[in-house]
C-alpha atoms as a PDB file:
ATOM      1  CA  MET A   1     132.803  67.530 108.460  1.00  0.00           C
ATOM      2  CA  VAL A   2     130.337  68.270 111.208  1.00  0.00           C
ATOM      3  CA  ASP A   3     130.399  66.176 114.205  1.00  0.00           C
ATOM      4  CA  GLN A   4     127.014  64.519 114.245  1.00  0.00           C
ATOM      5  CA  ARG A   5     126.624  64.370 118.169  1.00  0.00           C
ATOM      6  CA  VAL A   6     127.316  68.381 117.851  1.00  0.00           C
ATOM      7  CA  LEU A   7     124.486  68.673 115.182  1.00  0.00           C
ATOM      8  CA  VAL A   8     122.097  66.563 117.239  1.00  0.00           C
ATOM      9  CA  GLU A   9     122.586  68.459 120.398  1.00  0.00           C
ATOM     10  CA  HIS A  10     122.236  71.715 118.373  1.00  0.00           C
ATOM     11  CA  LEU A  11     119.004  70.485 116.938  1.00  0.00           C
ATOM     12  CA  LEU A  12     117.665  69.206 120.292  1.00  0.00           C
ATOM     13  CA  ALA A  13     118.670  72.550 122.326  1.00  0.00           C
ATOM     14  CA  GLY A  14     116.178  74.503 120.499  1.00  0.00           C
ATOM     15  CA  GLY A  15     113.135  72.107 121.402  1.00  0.00           C
ATOM     16  CA  ALA A  16     111.468  70.960 124.538  1.00  0.00           C
ATOM     17  CA  ARG A  17     111.885  67.685 126.125  1.00  0.00           C
ATOM     18  CA  VAL A  18     108.439  66.086 126.774  1.00  0.00           C
ATOM     19  CA  SER A  19     109.346  62.770 128.176  1.00  0.00           C
ATOM     20  CA  GLY A  20     112.917  62.846 129.276  1.00  0.00           C
ATOM     21  CA  SER A  21     115.751  62.561 126.737  1.00  0.00           C
ATOM     22  CA  GLY A  22     115.089  61.295 123.353  1.00  0.00           C
ATOM     23  CA  PHE A  23     111.543  62.477 122.837  1.00  0.00           C
ATOM     24  CA  PRO A  24     112.051  66.246 121.751  1.00  0.00           C
ATOM     25  CA  VAL A  25     109.735  68.614 120.284  1.00  0.00           C
ATOM     26  CA  LEU A  26     111.741  70.500 117.572  1.00  0.00           C
ATOM     27  CA  ARG A  27     111.385  74.153 116.743  1.00  0.00           C
ATOM     28  CA  GLY A  28     113.069  76.551 114.453  1.00  0.00           C
ATOM     29  CA  GLN A  29     115.604  74.950 112.147  1.00  0.00           C
ATOM     30  CA  GLY A  30     115.462  71.554 113.721  1.00  0.00           C
ATOM     31  CA  ALA A  31     111.423  71.398 113.095  1.00  0.00           C
ATOM     32  CA  ARG A  32     112.197  72.425 109.668  1.00  0.00           C
ATOM     33  CA  LEU A  33     114.659  69.629 109.089  1.00  0.00           C
ATOM     34  CA  GLN A  34     112.254  67.234 110.521  1.00  0.00           C
ATOM     35  CA  ARG A  35     109.483  68.216 108.307  1.00  0.00           C
ATOM     36  CA  SER A  36     111.612  68.221 105.264  1.00  0.00           C
ATOM     37  CA  LEU A  37     112.732  64.725 105.961  1.00  0.00           C
ATOM     38  CA  ILE A  38     109.276  63.448 106.352  1.00  0.00           C
ATOM     39  CA  ASN A  39     108.079  65.246 103.210  1.00  0.00           C
ATOM     40  CA  TYR A  40     111.264  63.662 101.285  1.00  0.00           C
ATOM     41  CA  PHE A  41     110.280  60.279 102.477  1.00  0.00           C
ATOM     42  CA  LEU A  42     106.710  60.623 101.640  1.00  0.00           C
ATOM     43  CA  ASP A  43     107.275  61.720  98.163  1.00  0.00           C
ATOM     44  CA  GLU A  44     106.083  59.200  95.650  1.00  0.00           C
ATOM     45  CA  LYS A  45     109.434  59.338  93.509  1.00  0.00           C
ATOM     46  CA  ASN A  46     111.587  58.998  96.653  1.00  0.00           C
ATOM     47  CA  GLY A  47     109.339  56.238  98.004  1.00  0.00           C
ATOM     48  CA  TYR A  48     109.248  54.347  94.929  1.00  0.00           C
ATOM     49  CA  ASP A  49     113.208  54.667  94.507  1.00  0.00           C
ATOM     50  CA  ASN A  50     113.768  53.644  98.141  1.00  0.00           C
ATOM     51  CA  PHE A  51     111.130  50.631  97.388  1.00  0.00           C
ATOM     52  CA  VAL A  52     113.051  49.458  94.278  1.00  0.00           C
ATOM     53  CA  ASN A  53     116.544  50.172  95.067  1.00  0.00           C
ATOM     54  CA  TRP A  54     117.145  50.339  98.847  1.00  0.00           C
ATOM     55  CA  ASN A  55     115.165  48.258 101.484  1.00  0.00           C
ATOM     56  CA  GLY A  56     111.888  47.626  99.876  1.00  0.00           C
ATOM     57  CA  TYR A  57     109.828  49.466 102.249  1.00  0.00           C
ATOM     58  CA  GLN A  58     106.620  50.676 100.562  1.00  0.00           C
ATOM     59  CA  PRO A  59     104.988  54.010 101.849  1.00  0.00           C
ATOM     60  CA  PRO A  60     101.192  54.156 101.523  1.00  0.00           C
ATOM     61  CA  PHE A  61     101.088  55.404  97.979  1.00  0.00           C
ATOM     62  CA  THR A  62      97.968  54.753  95.914  1.00  0.00           C
ATOM     63  CA  SER A  63      99.994  55.303  92.789  1.00  0.00           C
ATOM     64  CA  ILE A  64     102.173  52.259  93.304  1.00  0.00           C
ATOM     65  CA  GLN A  65     100.104  49.283  92.136  1.00  0.00           C
ATOM     66  CA  PRO A  66     101.100  45.637  91.936  1.00  0.00           C
ATOM     67  CA  GLU A  67     100.632  45.764  88.048  1.00  0.00           C
ATOM     68  CA  SER A  68     103.343  48.479  87.567  1.00  0.00           C
ATOM     69  CA  LEU A  69     105.823  46.851  89.916  1.00  0.00           C
ATOM     70  CA  ILE A  70     105.591  43.525  88.141  1.00  0.00           C
ATOM     71  CA  ALA A  71     105.478  45.262  84.628  1.00  0.00           C
ATOM     72  CA  ASP A  72     108.948  47.103  85.683  1.00  0.00           C
ATOM     73  CA  LYS A  73     110.425  43.931  87.145  1.00  0.00           C
ATOM     74  CA  VAL A  74     110.525  45.073  90.621  1.00  0.00           C
ATOM     75  CA  VAL A  75     108.370  42.318  92.162  1.00  0.00           C
ATOM     76  CA  PRO A  76     108.347  38.767  90.559  1.00  0.00           C
ATOM     77  CA  GLU A  77     104.890  37.962  89.087  1.00  0.00           C
ATOM     78  CA  ASN A  78     104.133  35.231  91.678  1.00  0.00           C
ATOM     79  CA  LEU A  79     104.534  37.920  94.604  1.00  0.00           C
ATOM     80  CA  GLY A  80     102.124  40.448  93.203  1.00  0.00           C
ATOM     81  CA  ALA A  81      99.656  39.906  95.861  1.00  0.00           C
ATOM     82  CA  ALA A  82     102.081  40.650  98.434  1.00  0.00           C
ATOM     83  CA  VAL A  83     102.159  44.291  97.603  1.00  0.00           C
ATOM     84  CA  VAL A  84      99.683  46.113  99.924  1.00  0.00           C
ATOM     85  CA  THR A  85      96.980  47.986  98.401  1.00  0.00           C
ATOM     86  CA  GLU A  86      94.411  50.700  99.455  1.00  0.00           C
ATOM     87  CA  ASP A  87      91.535  48.348  98.738  1.00  0.00           C
ATOM     88  CA  MET A  88      93.066  45.760 101.126  1.00  0.00           C
ATOM     89  CA  PHE A  89      92.152  48.184 104.015  1.00  0.00           C
ATOM     90  CA  LYS A  90      88.516  48.376 103.028  1.00  0.00           C
ATOM     91  CA  LYS A  91      87.752  44.958 103.289  1.00  0.00           C
ATOM     92  CA  ASP A  92      87.773  42.622 106.322  1.00  0.00           C
ATOM     93  CA  LEU A  93      91.143  40.739 106.710  1.00  0.00           C
ATOM     94  CA  THR A  94      89.952  38.386 109.132  1.00  0.00           C
ATOM     95  CA  PRO A  95      90.096  35.344 106.691  1.00  0.00           C
ATOM     96  CA  TYR A  96      94.078  35.939 106.486  1.00  0.00           C
ATOM     97  CA  GLU A  97      94.355  35.242 110.131  1.00  0.00           C
ATOM     98  CA  LEU A  98      96.098  31.854 111.386  1.00  0.00           C
ATOM     99  CA  THR A  99      93.793  29.254 112.460  1.00  0.00           C
ATOM    100  CA  PRO A 100      94.104  28.311 115.990  1.00  0.00           C
ATOM    101  CA  THR A 101      95.900  25.154 115.395  1.00  0.00           C
ATOM    102  CA  VAL A 102      98.448  26.877 113.155  1.00  0.00           C
ATOM    103  CA  ASP A 103      98.806  29.741 115.675  1.00  0.00           C
ATOM    104  CA  GLN A 104      99.759  27.217 118.285  1.00  0.00           C
ATOM    105  CA  LEU A 105     102.158  25.492 115.845  1.00  0.00           C
ATOM    106  CA  TRP A 106     103.887  28.900 115.585  1.00  0.00           C
ATOM    107  CA  LEU A 107     103.857  29.846 119.293  1.00  0.00           C
ATOM    108  CA  ASP A 108     105.392  26.493 119.880  1.00  0.00           C
ATOM    109  CA  ALA A 109     108.119  26.946 117.422  1.00  0.00           C
ATOM    110  CA  TRP A 110     108.806  30.360 118.612  1.00  0.00           C
ATOM    111  CA  THR A 111     109.095  29.091 122.358  1.00  0.00           C
ATOM    112  CA  THR A 112     111.647  26.449 121.213  1.00  0.00           C
ATOM    113  CA  ILE A 113     113.692  29.275 119.372  1.00  0.00           C
ATOM    114  CA  LYS A 114     113.529  31.515 122.360  1.00  0.00           C
ATOM    115  CA  SER A 115     114.756  28.891 124.750  1.00  0.00           C
ATOM    116  CA  GLY A 116     117.688  28.232 122.503  1.00  0.00           C
ATOM    117  CA  ALA A 117     117.159  24.323 122.026  1.00  0.00           C
END
């Protein structure tokens, strides 16, 4: 078994640190690994499996539609509107903002929670 710290140090050693530790620019094998992971998570099949079987995160796929998620019983019918679709970004979402009164109620409740009361 490979020690994870040794692996990370090896991957970071080939990169350049841009802003101190923790913000490397990978090169070589590290860069290939990074791109492979990104491609893996952006793959539609892997993204769908992640959404259905793991944590519910939905990458921005235009192929995943609320109707198919409801038909596959991934999302209950009453939550179909909660699935983000591409057309939601094409229209003004301002009507979905909280009213000032409701926003103040939320802020008051959050302040109470943060104070530990």
